[in-house]
């Protein structure tokens, strides 16, 4: 009978470890997926990933600003030249 009692204890220990492991994997997975979402949405405070462009490149951005009237043609050409010289 003492062998059976020892087996019951190890069964509980094993299942406890399995449940704790599953909970840990779930927690880490959910936490990393929510962090990735914040990195892709700068408005939530996560900011941008370094080295990745999320918007238009320089010349396209200048064209959009010129079309909206935010900059004039002189500023457009000088900034475009500066981008091309980089």
N, C-alpha and C. Protein backbone atom coordinates (compact mmCIF):
# COMPACT_ATOMS: atom_id res chain seq x y z
N UNK A 1 0.81 -1.19 0.00
CA UNK A 1 0.00 0.00 0.00
C UNK A 1 0.87 1.27 0.00
N UNK A 2 2.04 1.19 0.60
CA UNK A 2 2.91 2.36 0.62
C UNK A 2 3.42 2.68 -0.78
N UNK A 3 3.60 1.68 -1.66
CA UNK A 3 4.02 1.94 -3.03
C UNK A 3 2.96 2.72 -3.80
N UNK A 4 1.71 2.41 -3.55
CA UNK A 4 0.61 3.09 -4.22
C UNK A 4 0.52 4.54 -3.76
N UNK A 5 0.73 4.80 -2.49
CA UNK A 5 0.69 6.17 -1.99
C UNK A 5 1.82 6.99 -2.59
N UNK A 6 2.99 6.43 -2.77
CA UNK A 6 4.10 7.13 -3.39
C UNK A 6 3.82 7.46 -4.85
N UNK A 7 3.17 6.54 -5.54
CA UNK A 7 2.82 6.78 -6.94
C UNK A 7 1.81 7.91 -7.06
N UNK A 8 0.88 8.00 -6.12
CA UNK A 8 -0.10 9.08 -6.15
C UNK A 8 0.57 10.44 -5.98
N UNK A 9 1.53 10.51 -5.12
CA UNK A 9 2.24 11.77 -4.90
C UNK A 9 2.97 12.19 -6.18
N UNK A 10 3.67 11.25 -6.81
CA UNK A 10 4.40 11.58 -8.03
C UNK A 10 3.46 11.93 -9.18
N UNK A 11 2.30 11.35 -9.20
CA UNK A 11 1.31 11.71 -10.22
C UNK A 11 0.88 13.16 -10.04
N UNK A 12 0.60 13.56 -8.81
CA UNK A 12 0.23 14.94 -8.55
C UNK A 12 1.36 15.91 -8.88
N UNK A 13 2.57 15.53 -8.56
CA UNK A 13 3.73 16.38 -8.87
C UNK A 13 3.88 16.53 -10.38
N UNK A 14 3.76 15.42 -11.10
CA UNK A 14 3.89 15.46 -12.56
C UNK A 14 2.82 16.35 -13.18
N UNK A 15 1.57 16.17 -12.80
CA UNK A 15 0.48 16.96 -13.38
C UNK A 15 0.60 18.43 -12.99
N UNK A 16 1.09 18.70 -11.81
CA UNK A 16 1.31 20.09 -11.41
C UNK A 16 2.37 20.73 -12.30
N UNK A 17 3.45 20.02 -12.56
CA UNK A 17 4.49 20.54 -13.44
C UNK A 17 3.99 20.75 -14.87
N UNK A 18 3.16 19.83 -15.34
CA UNK A 18 2.60 19.96 -16.69
C UNK A 18 1.71 21.20 -16.78
N UNK A 19 0.86 21.40 -15.78
CA UNK A 19 -0.03 22.57 -15.80
C UNK A 19 0.73 23.88 -15.67
N UNK A 20 1.73 23.91 -14.82
CA UNK A 20 2.54 25.13 -14.67
C UNK A 20 3.30 25.41 -15.97
N UNK A 21 3.82 24.39 -16.61
CA UNK A 21 4.51 24.58 -17.88
C UNK A 21 3.58 25.09 -18.97
N UNK A 22 2.38 24.54 -19.05
CA UNK A 22 1.41 24.99 -20.06
C UNK A 22 1.00 26.44 -19.80
N UNK A 23 0.80 26.79 -18.53
CA UNK A 23 0.44 28.17 -18.20
C UNK A 23 1.57 29.13 -18.56
N UNK A 24 2.80 28.73 -18.32
CA UNK A 24 3.96 29.57 -18.64
C UNK A 24 4.08 29.79 -20.14
N UNK A 25 3.93 28.73 -20.90
CA UNK A 25 4.02 28.84 -22.36
C UNK A 25 2.90 29.75 -22.88
N UNK A 26 1.70 29.61 -22.36
CA UNK A 26 0.59 30.46 -22.78
C UNK A 26 0.85 31.92 -22.43
N UNK A 27 1.33 32.17 -21.22
CA UNK A 27 1.61 33.53 -20.78
C UNK A 27 2.68 34.19 -21.66
N UNK A 28 3.76 33.49 -21.91
CA UNK A 28 4.84 34.04 -22.72
C UNK A 28 4.37 34.28 -24.15
N UNK A 29 3.59 33.36 -24.69
CA UNK A 29 3.08 33.54 -26.05
C UNK A 29 2.16 34.74 -26.18
N UNK A 30 1.25 34.91 -25.23
CA UNK A 30 0.34 36.05 -25.28
C UNK A 30 1.08 37.36 -25.05
N UNK A 31 2.04 37.35 -24.17
CA UNK A 31 2.79 38.57 -23.89
C UNK A 31 3.63 39.00 -25.10
N UNK A 32 4.26 38.05 -25.76
CA UNK A 32 5.08 38.42 -26.92
C UNK A 32 4.21 38.86 -28.09
N UNK A 33 3.03 38.28 -28.26
CA UNK A 33 2.17 38.70 -29.37
C UNK A 33 1.60 40.09 -29.11
N UNK A 34 1.33 40.44 -27.88
CA UNK A 34 0.82 41.78 -27.60
C UNK A 34 1.93 42.82 -27.76
N UNK A 35 3.17 42.47 -27.45
CA UNK A 35 4.28 43.40 -27.67
C UNK A 35 4.51 43.63 -29.15
N UNK A 36 4.39 42.59 -29.95
CA UNK A 36 4.58 42.74 -31.40
C UNK A 36 3.51 43.66 -31.96
N UNK A 37 2.30 43.55 -31.48
CA UNK A 37 1.23 44.44 -31.94
C UNK A 37 1.50 45.89 -31.60
N UNK A 38 2.05 46.14 -30.42
CA UNK A 38 2.36 47.51 -30.05
C UNK A 38 3.47 48.08 -30.91
N UNK A 39 4.42 47.25 -31.32
CA UNK A 39 5.51 47.75 -32.15
C UNK A 39 5.00 48.14 -33.53
N UNK A 40 3.98 47.49 -34.00
CA UNK A 40 3.46 47.80 -35.33
C UNK A 40 2.50 48.98 -35.31
N UNK A 41 1.98 49.33 -34.12
CA UNK A 41 1.06 50.45 -34.01
C UNK A 41 1.69 51.51 -33.11
N UNK A 42 2.39 52.49 -33.69
CA UNK A 42 3.08 53.48 -32.88
C UNK A 42 2.14 54.29 -31.98
N UNK A 43 0.85 54.40 -32.33
CA UNK A 43 -0.06 55.20 -31.52
C UNK A 43 -0.35 54.58 -30.16
N UNK A 44 0.02 53.32 -29.94
CA UNK A 44 -0.22 52.68 -28.65
C UNK A 44 0.99 52.80 -27.73
N UNK A 45 1.99 53.54 -28.12
CA UNK A 45 3.14 53.76 -27.26
C UNK A 45 4.28 52.79 -27.51
N UNK A 46 4.13 51.88 -28.44
CA UNK A 46 5.18 50.91 -28.67
C UNK A 46 6.32 51.43 -29.52
N UNK A 47 6.08 52.45 -30.29
CA UNK A 47 7.13 52.97 -31.14
C UNK A 47 7.34 52.10 -32.37
N UNK A 48 8.31 52.45 -33.16
CA UNK A 48 8.60 51.70 -34.38
C UNK A 48 9.75 50.76 -34.15
N UNK A 49 9.80 49.75 -34.96
CA UNK A 49 10.94 48.84 -34.93
C UNK A 49 12.12 49.51 -35.60
N UNK A 50 13.30 49.39 -35.04
CA UNK A 50 14.45 50.04 -35.66
C UNK A 50 14.77 49.44 -37.01
N UNK A 51 15.07 50.32 -37.97
CA UNK A 51 15.48 49.86 -39.29
C UNK A 51 14.35 49.51 -40.22
N UNK A 52 13.11 49.68 -39.80
CA UNK A 52 11.99 49.34 -40.67
C UNK A 52 11.21 50.60 -41.02
N UNK A 53 10.86 50.72 -42.29
CA UNK A 53 10.06 51.86 -42.72
C UNK A 53 8.60 51.44 -42.74
N UNK A 54 7.77 52.29 -42.16
CA UNK A 54 6.35 51.98 -42.16
C UNK A 54 5.58 52.91 -43.09
N UNK A 55 6.15 54.03 -43.45
CA UNK A 55 5.48 54.99 -44.31
C UNK A 55 6.18 55.10 -45.64
N UNK A 56 5.78 56.11 -46.41
CA UNK A 56 6.40 56.31 -47.72
C UNK A 56 7.86 56.75 -47.58
N UNK A 57 8.63 56.47 -48.62
CA UNK A 57 10.04 56.86 -48.65
C UNK A 57 10.14 58.37 -48.86
N UNK A 58 11.35 58.91 -48.78
CA UNK A 58 11.58 60.35 -48.84
C UNK A 58 10.96 61.07 -50.02
N UNK A 59 11.28 60.68 -51.26
CA UNK A 59 10.72 61.41 -52.40
C UNK A 59 9.19 61.36 -52.46
N UNK A 60 8.61 60.22 -52.13
CA UNK A 60 7.15 60.11 -52.15
C UNK A 60 6.53 61.00 -51.09
N UNK A 61 7.18 61.06 -49.93
CA UNK A 61 6.68 61.91 -48.86
C UNK A 61 6.75 63.38 -49.25
N UNK A 62 7.84 63.76 -49.90
CA UNK A 62 7.95 65.14 -50.36
C UNK A 62 6.87 65.47 -51.39
N UNK A 63 6.60 64.54 -52.29
CA UNK A 63 5.55 64.77 -53.29
C UNK A 63 4.19 64.93 -52.62
N UNK A 64 3.93 64.14 -51.61
CA UNK A 64 2.65 64.25 -50.90
C UNK A 64 2.54 65.60 -50.18
N UNK A 65 3.64 66.03 -49.54
CA UNK A 65 3.61 67.31 -48.85
C UNK A 65 3.43 68.47 -49.84
N UNK A 66 4.05 68.36 -51.02
CA UNK A 66 3.89 69.38 -52.04
C UNK A 66 2.44 69.41 -52.52
N UNK A 67 1.85 68.25 -52.73
CA UNK A 67 0.46 68.18 -53.20
C UNK A 67 -0.51 68.75 -52.16
N UNK A 68 -0.21 68.57 -50.88
CA UNK A 68 -1.08 69.10 -49.82
C UNK A 68 -0.85 70.59 -49.58
N UNK A 69 0.21 71.14 -50.16
CA UNK A 69 0.51 72.55 -49.98
C UNK A 69 1.31 72.86 -48.73
N UNK A 70 1.88 71.84 -48.11
CA UNK A 70 2.66 72.06 -46.91
C UNK A 70 4.02 72.69 -47.21
N UNK A 71 4.56 72.41 -48.40
CA UNK A 71 5.82 73.00 -48.82
C UNK A 71 5.64 73.55 -50.23
N UNK A 72 6.48 74.54 -50.58
CA UNK A 72 6.40 75.09 -51.93
C UNK A 72 7.40 74.38 -52.84
N UNK A 73 7.40 74.74 -54.10
CA UNK A 73 8.22 74.04 -55.09
C UNK A 73 9.72 74.23 -54.82
N UNK A 74 10.12 75.41 -54.32
CA UNK A 74 11.53 75.64 -54.03
C UNK A 74 12.01 74.72 -52.90
N UNK A 75 11.20 74.64 -51.84
CA UNK A 75 11.57 73.76 -50.73
C UNK A 75 11.57 72.30 -51.18
N UNK A 76 10.61 71.94 -52.04
CA UNK A 76 10.54 70.58 -52.56
C UNK A 76 11.82 70.22 -53.30
N UNK A 77 12.25 71.10 -54.21
CA UNK A 77 13.45 70.78 -55.01
C UNK A 77 14.71 70.76 -54.15
N UNK A 78 14.81 71.66 -53.18
CA UNK A 78 16.02 71.66 -52.34
C UNK A 78 16.06 70.41 -51.46
N UNK A 79 14.94 70.01 -50.90
CA UNK A 79 14.92 68.81 -50.07
C UNK A 79 15.14 67.54 -50.91
N UNK A 80 14.60 67.53 -52.12
CA UNK A 80 14.79 66.38 -53.01
C UNK A 80 16.27 66.24 -53.37
N UNK A 81 16.93 67.38 -53.64
CA UNK A 81 18.37 67.35 -53.92
C UNK A 81 19.15 66.84 -52.72
N UNK A 82 18.76 67.29 -51.55
CA UNK A 82 19.45 66.84 -50.32
C UNK A 82 19.28 65.33 -50.13
N UNK A 83 18.12 64.80 -50.45
CA UNK A 83 17.91 63.36 -50.33
C UNK A 83 18.76 62.59 -51.35
N UNK A 84 18.85 63.13 -52.55
CA UNK A 84 19.62 62.45 -53.58
C UNK A 84 21.12 62.50 -53.31
N UNK A 85 21.59 63.51 -52.56
CA UNK A 85 23.01 63.64 -52.25
C UNK A 85 23.45 62.71 -51.13
N UNK A 86 22.52 62.14 -50.39
CA UNK A 86 22.88 61.26 -49.27
C UNK A 86 23.50 60.00 -49.72
